[in-house]
Amino acid sequence: MKNLKILLATFVIGLGLLSFTTMNDEKHASRHEKIDSKGYEVGDEAADFKLKNIDGKMVSLSDFKTAKGFIVVFTCNHCPYAKKYEDRIVELDKKFKNQGYPVVAINPNDPNVQPEDGYQQMIERAKQKGFTFPYLVDEGQKIYPQYGATKTPHVFLLQKENGKNIVKYIGAIDNNYDNPNDVSEYYVQDAVNALLKGESVKMSKTVAIGCTIKVKK
């Protein structure tokens, strides 16, 4: 009888410890999920992706064999801020693509929420504005949360280091969305120029100004 009581007590204690451990594991996992959901910080390794371009082909960062890095821009058709920056995004690509830093644009919006950001509309917009870079659709909205994009436009400047894409700058393109003639700080341009010179980026993070990403309801 005494042995039975000891066995029962041991079982209860073991069950309690198992429950405590499981709860701690769940809290630990939950904490990591929250951290991961914030997206990338400067210095993080950015994951590659495979997304459909406006020409129907699938595009990955790994396709750009000679690139030194990438100007990844989350943007869209309908947003007034994104429209203001379209010409400047084209200029960034023209300026830096041949130097190893091409623009890769991604539309993160759900077209059911914002029909102007549908795939066919993307094709038409790219043709109209003369896009010189891939304009990809984030089908299923899986990529923008990984990066931590919250606005359109939102830039993530990446640099290739030992086979990895390392985040070097996050934020806005410059400090005046409304008028390119009134820009006094060229965040992305200055960051890429610094990397090309082998220097560190002085202004590595700014606040992205734009429209909120339209998420599937």
Protein backbone atom coordinates (compact mmCIF):
# COMPACT_ATOMS: atom_id res chain seq x y z
CA MET A 1 0.00 0.00 0.00
CA LYS A 2 2.84 2.31 0.96
CA ASN A 3 4.64 1.56 -2.32
CA LEU A 4 1.45 2.27 -4.26
CA LYS A 5 1.16 5.71 -2.65
CA ILE A 6 4.78 6.47 -3.51
CA LEU A 7 4.18 5.42 -7.13
CA LEU A 8 1.05 7.56 -7.35
CA ALA A 9 2.86 10.57 -5.87
CA THR A 10 5.75 10.11 -8.33
CA PHE A 11 3.29 9.89 -11.22
CA VAL A 12 1.50 13.10 -10.18
CA ILE A 13 4.80 15.01 -9.81
CA GLY A 14 6.00 13.72 -13.20
CA LEU A 15 2.74 14.74 -14.82
CA GLY A 16 3.06 18.20 -13.32
CA LEU A 17 6.63 18.59 -14.59
CA LEU A 18 5.59 17.45 -18.08
CA SER A 19 2.75 19.96 -18.12
CA PHE A 20 5.09 22.75 -16.95
CA THR A 21 7.67 21.85 -19.62
CA THR A 22 5.03 21.76 -22.35
CA MET A 23 3.68 25.15 -21.31
CA ASN A 24 7.19 26.59 -21.33
CA ASP A 25 7.85 25.12 -24.77
CA GLU A 26 4.62 26.61 -26.08
CA LYS A 27 5.49 30.01 -24.64
CA HIS A 28 8.99 29.75 -26.11
CA ALA A 29 7.62 28.81 -29.53
CA SER A 30 5.02 31.57 -29.36
CA ARG A 31 7.71 34.11 -28.49
CA HIS A 32 9.78 33.04 -31.51
CA GLU A 33 6.75 33.25 -33.78
CA LYS A 34 6.20 36.84 -32.66
CA ILE A 35 9.84 37.66 -33.27
CA ASP A 36 9.77 36.06 -36.73
CA SER A 37 6.56 37.89 -37.66
CA LYS A 38 8.33 41.24 -37.30
CA GLY A 39 10.38 40.56 -40.38
CA TYR A 40 14.00 41.36 -41.05
CA GLU A 41 16.34 43.77 -39.34
CA VAL A 42 19.50 45.24 -40.82
CA GLY A 43 22.16 42.53 -40.75
CA ASP A 44 19.71 39.63 -41.15
CA GLU A 45 19.90 37.12 -43.96
CA ALA A 46 16.98 37.51 -46.34
CA ALA A 47 15.42 34.36 -47.77
CA ASP A 48 15.15 33.88 -51.52
CA PHE A 49 11.75 33.53 -53.15
CA LYS A 50 10.19 32.29 -56.39
CA LEU A 51 7.43 34.58 -57.62
CA LYS A 52 5.60 35.10 -60.91
CA ASN A 53 6.73 38.01 -63.03
CA ILE A 54 4.49 40.04 -65.36
CA ASP A 55 5.89 38.02 -68.28
CA GLY A 56 4.55 34.82 -66.73
CA LYS A 57 7.99 33.49 -65.76
CA MET A 58 9.00 32.58 -62.21
CA VAL A 59 11.78 34.75 -60.80
CA SER A 60 14.17 34.19 -57.88
CA LEU A 61 17.06 36.25 -56.57
CA SER A 62 19.30 33.29 -57.37
CA ASP A 63 18.56 33.87 -61.07
CA PHE A 64 20.74 36.99 -60.99
CA LYS A 65 24.11 35.25 -61.12
CA THR A 66 26.28 38.35 -61.47
CA ALA A 67 24.38 40.61 -59.07
CA LYS A 68 26.21 42.02 -56.04
CA GLY A 69 22.91 42.65 -54.30
CA PHE A 70 19.33 43.77 -54.83
CA ILE A 71 17.04 46.74 -54.35
CA VAL A 72 13.89 44.86 -53.34
CA VAL A 73 10.88 47.20 -53.44
CA PHE A 74 7.43 46.23 -52.22
CA THR A 75 5.12 48.41 -54.30
CA CYS A 76 1.80 48.32 -56.15
CA ASN A 77 -0.41 49.97 -58.78
CA HIS A 78 -3.08 51.87 -56.88
CA CYS A 79 -1.25 53.59 -54.01
CA PRO A 80 -0.68 57.35 -54.58
CA TYR A 81 2.69 57.11 -52.81
CA ALA A 82 3.78 54.19 -54.98
CA LYS A 83 2.72 56.10 -58.10
CA LYS A 84 4.78 59.12 -57.03
CA TYR A 85 7.85 56.89 -56.74
CA GLU A 86 7.49 54.84 -59.94
CA ASP A 87 9.77 57.01 -62.06
CA ARG A 88 12.35 57.13 -59.28
CA ILE A 89 12.29 53.33 -58.94
CA VAL A 90 12.91 53.06 -62.70
CA GLU A 91 15.82 55.50 -62.34
CA LEU A 92 17.30 53.47 -59.48
CA ASP A 93 17.25 50.36 -61.67
CA LYS A 94 18.80 52.17 -64.63
CA LYS A 95 21.49 53.68 -62.42
CA PHE A 96 22.48 50.60 -60.42
CA LYS A 97 21.52 47.49 -62.42
CA ASN A 98 24.70 47.54 -64.47
CA GLN A 99 26.69 48.13 -61.30
CA GLY A 100 25.32 44.96 -59.74
CA TYR A 101 22.27 46.16 -57.80
CA PRO A 102 19.10 45.61 -59.87
CA VAL A 103 15.63 46.52 -58.69
CA VAL A 104 13.25 43.66 -57.97
CA ALA A 105 9.70 44.93 -57.37
CA ILE A 106 7.04 42.89 -55.58
CA ASN A 107 3.32 43.63 -55.37
CA PRO A 108 2.19 42.33 -51.94
CA ASN A 109 -1.47 43.37 -52.13
CA ASP A 110 -4.45 41.03 -52.37
CA PRO A 111 -6.34 41.88 -55.59
CA ASN A 112 -9.63 40.83 -54.02
CA VAL A 113 -9.21 43.65 -51.54
CA GLN A 114 -7.76 46.12 -54.07
CA PRO A 115 -8.74 45.17 -57.66
CA GLU A 116 -6.38 47.78 -59.15
CA ASP A 117 -3.51 45.59 -57.97
CA GLY A 118 -4.56 42.54 -59.97
CA TYR A 119 -2.09 40.65 -62.17
CA GLN A 120 -3.44 41.98 -65.48
CA GLN A 121 -3.38 45.50 -64.10
CA MET A 122 0.25 44.97 -63.08
CA ILE A 123 1.13 44.02 -66.66
CA GLU A 124 -0.60 47.12 -68.01
CA ARG A 125 1.00 49.43 -65.44
CA ALA A 126 4.50 48.11 -66.07
CA LYS A 127 4.08 48.64 -69.81
CA GLN A 128 2.63 52.11 -69.31
CA LYS A 129 5.47 53.24 -67.02
CA GLY A 130 8.25 51.42 -68.86
CA PHE A 131 9.40 49.24 -65.98
CA THR A 132 12.93 47.96 -66.62
CA PHE A 133 12.84 45.42 -63.78
CA PRO A 134 10.85 42.35 -62.70
CA TYR A 135 7.44 43.19 -61.24
CA LEU A 136 6.45 40.14 -59.22
CA VAL A 137 3.19 39.15 -57.56
CA ASP A 138 3.28 37.88 -53.99
CA GLU A 139 0.61 35.23 -54.50
CA GLY A 140 -0.68 33.99 -51.17
CA GLN A 141 0.99 36.96 -49.48
CA LYS A 142 3.81 34.82 -48.08
CA ILE A 143 6.88 36.94 -48.86
CA TYR A 144 6.07 40.41 -47.54
CA PRO A 145 5.55 39.17 -43.92
CA GLN A 146 8.93 37.41 -44.05
CA TYR A 147 10.59 40.67 -44.98
CA GLY A 148 8.47 42.74 -42.62
CA ALA A 149 7.15 45.09 -45.29
CA THR A 150 4.26 47.23 -44.06
CA LYS A 151 3.89 49.90 -46.74
CA THR A 152 3.95 50.44 -50.47
CA PRO A 153 6.60 51.40 -51.30
CA HIS A 154 8.95 49.74 -48.77
CA VAL A 155 12.59 49.07 -49.69
CA PHE A 156 14.93 46.29 -48.54
CA LEU A 157 18.47 46.71 -49.84
CA LEU A 158 20.34 43.40 -49.91
CA GLN A 159 24.02 42.62 -50.44
CA LYS A 160 25.44 39.23 -51.42
CA GLU A 161 27.90 38.00 -48.81
CA ASN A 162 29.27 34.44 -48.96
CA GLY A 163 26.25 33.22 -50.86
CA LYS A 164 23.77 34.93 -48.54
CA ASN A 165 21.59 37.99 -49.10
CA ILE A 166 22.24 40.29 -46.16
CA VAL A 167 19.92 43.20 -45.39
CA LYS A 168 21.83 46.50 -45.44
CA TYR A 169 19.03 49.07 -45.52
CA ILE A 170 15.29 49.13 -44.79
CA GLY A 171 12.84 51.96 -45.34
CA ALA A 172 11.93 54.79 -47.70
CA ILE A 173 13.48 55.64 -51.07
CA ASP A 174 14.16 59.25 -50.12
CA ASN A 175 12.80 62.00 -47.87
CA ASN A 176 10.20 63.59 -50.15
CA TYR A 177 7.58 61.37 -51.75
CA ASP A 178 5.63 64.29 -53.20
CA ASN A 179 8.26 66.08 -55.27
CA PRO A 180 11.55 64.58 -56.48
CA ASN A 181 12.93 68.09 -56.96
CA ASP A 182 12.62 68.75 -53.22
CA VAL A 183 14.50 65.63 -52.09
CA SER A 184 17.44 66.40 -49.82
CA GLU A 185 18.25 62.88 -48.61
CA TYR A 186 18.56 60.01 -51.09
CA TYR A 187 18.44 57.06 -48.70
CA VAL A 188 18.55 54.14 -51.16
CA GLN A 189 20.90 55.81 -53.62
CA ASP A 190 23.34 56.76 -50.87
CA ALA A 191 23.16 53.26 -49.37
CA VAL A 192 23.95 51.54 -52.67
CA ASN A 193 26.79 53.97 -53.38
CA ALA A 194 28.26 53.20 -49.97
CA LEU A 195 28.15 49.45 -50.64
CA LEU A 196 29.76 49.92 -54.05
CA LYS A 197 32.63 51.75 -52.33
CA GLY A 198 32.96 49.00 -49.74
CA GLU A 199 31.73 51.31 -47.01
CA SER A 200 29.06 50.79 -44.35
CA VAL A 201 25.64 52.34 -44.83
CA LYS A 202 25.35 55.40 -42.57
CA MET A 203 21.56 55.67 -42.62
CA SER A 204 20.58 52.00 -42.49
CA LYS A 205 16.93 52.35 -41.47
CA THR A 206 14.21 54.93 -42.08
CA VAL A 207 10.43 54.98 -41.78
CA ALA A 208 8.67 53.79 -44.93
CA ILE A 209 6.01 56.26 -46.07
CA GLY A 210 3.16 54.84 -48.13
CA CYS A 211 -0.11 52.93 -48.17
CA THR A 212 -0.73 49.98 -45.89
CA ILE A 213 -0.49 46.56 -47.49
CA LYS A 214 -3.93 45.23 -48.42
CA VAL A 215 -4.29 41.87 -46.68
CA LYS A 216 -6.74 39.12 -47.61
CA LYS A 217 -9.77 39.21 -45.34
